[in-house]
Amino acid sequence: MEQLLEILSDLHPEVDFETEDHLIDDKILDSFDIISIISEIAEQYDVTISAEHIIPENFNSAEALYDLIERLEDEE
């Protein structure tokens, strides 16, 4: 989780990703941020986030995103 928080903080240092749970709904993250996050996750966690997983529920919070990473790691 620490690596993920670092990835997110590098994009938006002004956001408290440990408590924010409306990253997409409140338009904190945009499509370019999502692409950057997916790329960084692929590099750091060696998982691929496919198009079917790119939904607001998976990106609204760091916790939801980390849950997605863990699910993808389990699938491999």
N, C-alpha and C. Protein backbone atom coordinates (compact mmCIF):
# COMPACT_ATOMS: atom_id res chain seq x y z
N MET A 1 0.83 -1.20 0.00
CA MET A 1 0.00 0.00 0.00
C MET A 1 0.86 1.25 0.00
N GLU A 2 2.01 1.17 0.65
CA GLU A 2 2.89 2.33 0.73
C GLU A 2 3.35 2.79 -0.65
N GLN A 3 3.69 1.82 -1.51
CA GLN A 3 4.11 2.17 -2.88
C GLN A 3 2.98 2.85 -3.63
N LEU A 4 1.75 2.35 -3.46
CA LEU A 4 0.60 2.94 -4.14
C LEU A 4 0.37 4.37 -3.66
N LEU A 5 0.44 4.59 -2.38
CA LEU A 5 0.26 5.95 -1.85
C LEU A 5 1.33 6.89 -2.39
N GLU A 6 2.53 6.38 -2.57
CA GLU A 6 3.61 7.19 -3.14
C GLU A 6 3.31 7.54 -4.59
N ILE A 7 2.83 6.58 -5.36
CA ILE A 7 2.46 6.82 -6.76
C ILE A 7 1.39 7.91 -6.83
N LEU A 8 0.36 7.77 -6.01
CA LEU A 8 -0.73 8.74 -6.01
C LEU A 8 -0.28 10.12 -5.54
N SER A 9 0.53 10.15 -4.51
CA SER A 9 1.02 11.43 -3.97
C SER A 9 1.91 12.15 -4.95
N ASP A 10 2.64 11.41 -5.76
CA ASP A 10 3.47 12.05 -6.78
C ASP A 10 2.61 12.79 -7.80
N LEU A 11 1.43 12.27 -8.07
CA LEU A 11 0.51 12.91 -9.02
C LEU A 11 -0.17 14.13 -8.41
N HIS A 12 -0.63 13.98 -7.18
CA HIS A 12 -1.39 15.04 -6.50
C HIS A 12 -0.94 15.15 -5.04
N PRO A 13 0.16 15.82 -4.78
CA PRO A 13 0.67 15.91 -3.40
C PRO A 13 -0.29 16.62 -2.44
N GLU A 14 -1.23 17.39 -2.97
CA GLU A 14 -2.15 18.14 -2.13
C GLU A 14 -3.31 17.29 -1.59
N VAL A 15 -3.44 16.06 -2.07
CA VAL A 15 -4.57 15.20 -1.68
C VAL A 15 -4.14 14.19 -0.61
N ASP A 16 -5.01 14.00 0.39
CA ASP A 16 -4.77 12.99 1.42
C ASP A 16 -5.39 11.68 0.94
N PHE A 17 -4.59 10.87 0.28
CA PHE A 17 -5.08 9.64 -0.33
C PHE A 17 -5.44 8.57 0.70
N GLU A 18 -5.01 8.74 1.93
CA GLU A 18 -5.36 7.76 2.96
C GLU A 18 -6.81 7.91 3.42
N THR A 19 -7.39 9.09 3.24
CA THR A 19 -8.76 9.31 3.69
C THR A 19 -9.74 9.62 2.55
N GLU A 20 -9.26 10.12 1.45
CA GLU A 20 -10.13 10.52 0.33
C GLU A 20 -10.74 9.28 -0.32
N ASP A 21 -12.07 9.29 -0.47
CA ASP A 21 -12.72 8.13 -1.08
C ASP A 21 -13.69 8.49 -2.21
N HIS A 22 -13.46 9.65 -2.80
CA HIS A 22 -14.25 10.10 -3.95
C HIS A 22 -13.33 10.69 -5.03
N LEU A 23 -12.25 10.00 -5.29
CA LEU A 23 -11.24 10.53 -6.22
C LEU A 23 -11.80 10.74 -7.62
N ILE A 24 -12.64 9.85 -8.07
CA ILE A 24 -13.25 9.98 -9.39
C ILE A 24 -14.49 10.84 -9.31
N ASP A 25 -15.35 10.54 -8.35
CA ASP A 25 -16.62 11.27 -8.20
C ASP A 25 -16.40 12.77 -8.03
N ASP A 26 -15.37 13.14 -7.29
CA ASP A 26 -15.08 14.57 -7.05
C ASP A 26 -14.11 15.15 -8.08
N LYS A 27 -13.82 14.36 -9.12
CA LYS A 27 -12.95 14.79 -10.23
C LYS A 27 -11.55 15.19 -9.78
N ILE A 28 -11.05 14.53 -8.76
CA ILE A 28 -9.67 14.75 -8.31
C ILE A 28 -8.72 14.10 -9.30
N LEU A 29 -9.08 12.90 -9.75
CA LEU A 29 -8.29 12.21 -10.77
C LEU A 29 -8.98 12.35 -12.11
N ASP A 30 -8.19 12.65 -13.15
CA ASP A 30 -8.75 12.71 -14.49
C ASP A 30 -8.21 11.54 -15.32
N SER A 31 -8.59 11.49 -16.56
CA SER A 31 -8.21 10.35 -17.40
C SER A 31 -6.70 10.23 -17.57
N PHE A 32 -6.00 11.35 -17.63
CA PHE A 32 -4.54 11.29 -17.74
C PHE A 32 -3.91 10.72 -16.46
N ASP A 33 -4.48 11.09 -15.33
CA ASP A 33 -4.01 10.53 -14.05
C ASP A 33 -4.21 9.02 -14.02
N ILE A 34 -5.36 8.57 -14.50
CA ILE A 34 -5.66 7.14 -14.51
C ILE A 34 -4.64 6.39 -15.35
N ILE A 35 -4.33 6.92 -16.52
CA ILE A 35 -3.33 6.29 -17.40
C ILE A 35 -1.98 6.22 -16.69
N SER A 36 -1.58 7.29 -16.05
CA SER A 36 -0.31 7.31 -15.31
C SER A 36 -0.31 6.29 -14.18
N ILE A 37 -1.41 6.23 -13.45
CA ILE A 37 -1.51 5.29 -12.33
C ILE A 37 -1.42 3.86 -12.84
N ILE A 38 -2.15 3.55 -13.90
CA ILE A 38 -2.13 2.19 -14.46
C ILE A 38 -0.72 1.81 -14.89
N SER A 39 -0.03 2.74 -15.51
CA SER A 39 1.35 2.48 -15.95
C SER A 39 2.28 2.24 -14.76
N GLU A 40 2.18 3.07 -13.74
CA GLU A 40 3.01 2.92 -12.55
C GLU A 40 2.71 1.62 -11.81
N ILE A 41 1.43 1.26 -11.73
CA ILE A 41 1.05 0.01 -11.06
C ILE A 41 1.63 -1.18 -11.81
N ALA A 42 1.56 -1.13 -13.13
CA ALA A 42 2.12 -2.22 -13.94
C ALA A 42 3.60 -2.39 -13.65
N GLU A 43 4.29 -1.27 -13.53
CA GLU A 43 5.73 -1.31 -13.27
C GLU A 43 6.05 -1.76 -11.84
N GLN A 44 5.36 -1.21 -10.86
CA GLN A 44 5.66 -1.48 -9.46
C GLN A 44 5.14 -2.84 -8.96
N TYR A 45 3.95 -3.21 -9.44
CA TYR A 45 3.30 -4.41 -8.90
C TYR A 45 3.28 -5.57 -9.90
N ASP A 46 3.72 -5.33 -11.13
CA ASP A 46 3.75 -6.37 -12.17
C ASP A 46 2.37 -6.98 -12.39
N VAL A 47 1.35 -6.13 -12.45
CA VAL A 47 0.00 -6.56 -12.81
C VAL A 47 -0.51 -5.67 -13.93
N THR A 48 -1.44 -6.20 -14.70
CA THR A 48 -2.03 -5.45 -15.79
C THR A 48 -3.48 -5.15 -15.45
N ILE A 49 -3.83 -3.87 -15.50
CA ILE A 49 -5.21 -3.46 -15.26
C ILE A 49 -5.87 -3.34 -16.63
N SER A 50 -6.76 -4.27 -16.94
CA SER A 50 -7.43 -4.27 -18.24
C SER A 50 -8.59 -3.28 -18.24
N ALA A 51 -9.10 -3.01 -19.44
CA ALA A 51 -10.18 -2.04 -19.61
C ALA A 51 -11.40 -2.35 -18.75
N GLU A 52 -11.70 -3.62 -18.57
CA GLU A 52 -12.87 -4.00 -17.77
C GLU A 52 -12.76 -3.58 -16.31
N HIS A 53 -11.53 -3.35 -15.84
CA HIS A 53 -11.31 -2.94 -14.45
C HIS A 53 -11.25 -1.42 -14.27
N ILE A 54 -11.27 -0.70 -15.37
CA ILE A 54 -11.17 0.76 -15.28
C ILE A 54 -12.58 1.33 -15.10
N ILE A 55 -13.04 1.24 -13.88
CA ILE A 55 -14.36 1.75 -13.50
C ILE A 55 -14.19 2.61 -12.25
N PRO A 56 -15.07 3.57 -12.06
CA PRO A 56 -14.92 4.48 -10.91
C PRO A 56 -14.77 3.77 -9.57
N GLU A 57 -15.49 2.69 -9.37
CA GLU A 57 -15.43 1.99 -8.09
C GLU A 57 -14.01 1.53 -7.74
N ASN A 58 -13.23 1.21 -8.74
CA ASN A 58 -11.86 0.74 -8.50
C ASN A 58 -10.86 1.88 -8.31
N PHE A 59 -11.25 3.11 -8.65
CA PHE A 59 -10.31 4.23 -8.59
C PHE A 59 -10.77 5.35 -7.66
N ASN A 60 -11.86 5.17 -6.94
CA ASN A 60 -12.37 6.24 -6.07
C ASN A 60 -11.55 6.44 -4.81
N SER A 61 -10.76 5.42 -4.43
CA SER A 61 -9.92 5.57 -3.24
C SER A 61 -8.67 4.72 -3.41
N ALA A 62 -7.67 5.05 -2.64
CA ALA A 62 -6.43 4.26 -2.65
C ALA A 62 -6.73 2.85 -2.18
N GLU A 63 -7.61 2.72 -1.20
CA GLU A 63 -7.97 1.40 -0.68
C GLU A 63 -8.63 0.54 -1.75
N ALA A 64 -9.56 1.11 -2.52
CA ALA A 64 -10.22 0.37 -3.59
C ALA A 64 -9.21 -0.03 -4.66
N LEU A 65 -8.31 0.86 -4.96
CA LEU A 65 -7.29 0.57 -5.97
C LEU A 65 -6.35 -0.53 -5.49
N TYR A 66 -5.99 -0.48 -4.22
CA TYR A 66 -5.12 -1.51 -3.66
C TYR A 66 -5.83 -2.86 -3.64
N ASP A 67 -7.13 -2.86 -3.34
CA ASP A 67 -7.91 -4.10 -3.38
C ASP A 67 -7.88 -4.69 -4.79
N LEU A 68 -8.00 -3.83 -5.80
CA LEU A 68 -7.93 -4.28 -7.19
C LEU A 68 -6.57 -4.90 -7.48
N ILE A 69 -5.51 -4.25 -7.05
CA ILE A 69 -4.15 -4.77 -7.27
C ILE A 69 -4.03 -6.15 -6.63
N GLU A 70 -4.51 -6.30 -5.41
CA GLU A 70 -4.42 -7.59 -4.73
C GLU A 70 -5.22 -8.68 -5.46
N ARG A 71 -6.41 -8.32 -5.96
CA ARG A 71 -7.21 -9.28 -6.73
C ARG A 71 -6.46 -9.71 -7.99
N LEU A 72 -5.86 -8.75 -8.68
CA LEU A 72 -5.13 -9.06 -9.90
C LEU A 72 -3.89 -9.90 -9.62
N GLU A 73 -3.23 -9.64 -8.51
CA GLU A 73 -2.07 -10.44 -8.14
C GLU A 73 -2.48 -11.88 -7.85
N ASP A 74 -3.63 -12.07 -7.23
CA ASP A 74 -4.13 -13.40 -6.92
C ASP A 74 -4.50 -14.19 -8.17
N GLU A 75 -4.94 -13.46 -9.20
CA GLU A 75 -5.35 -14.11 -10.45
C GLU A 75 -4.16 -14.65 -11.24
N GLU A 76 -3.01 -14.05 -11.05
CA GLU A 76 -1.84 -14.44 -11.85
C GLU A 76 -1.15 -15.66 -11.31
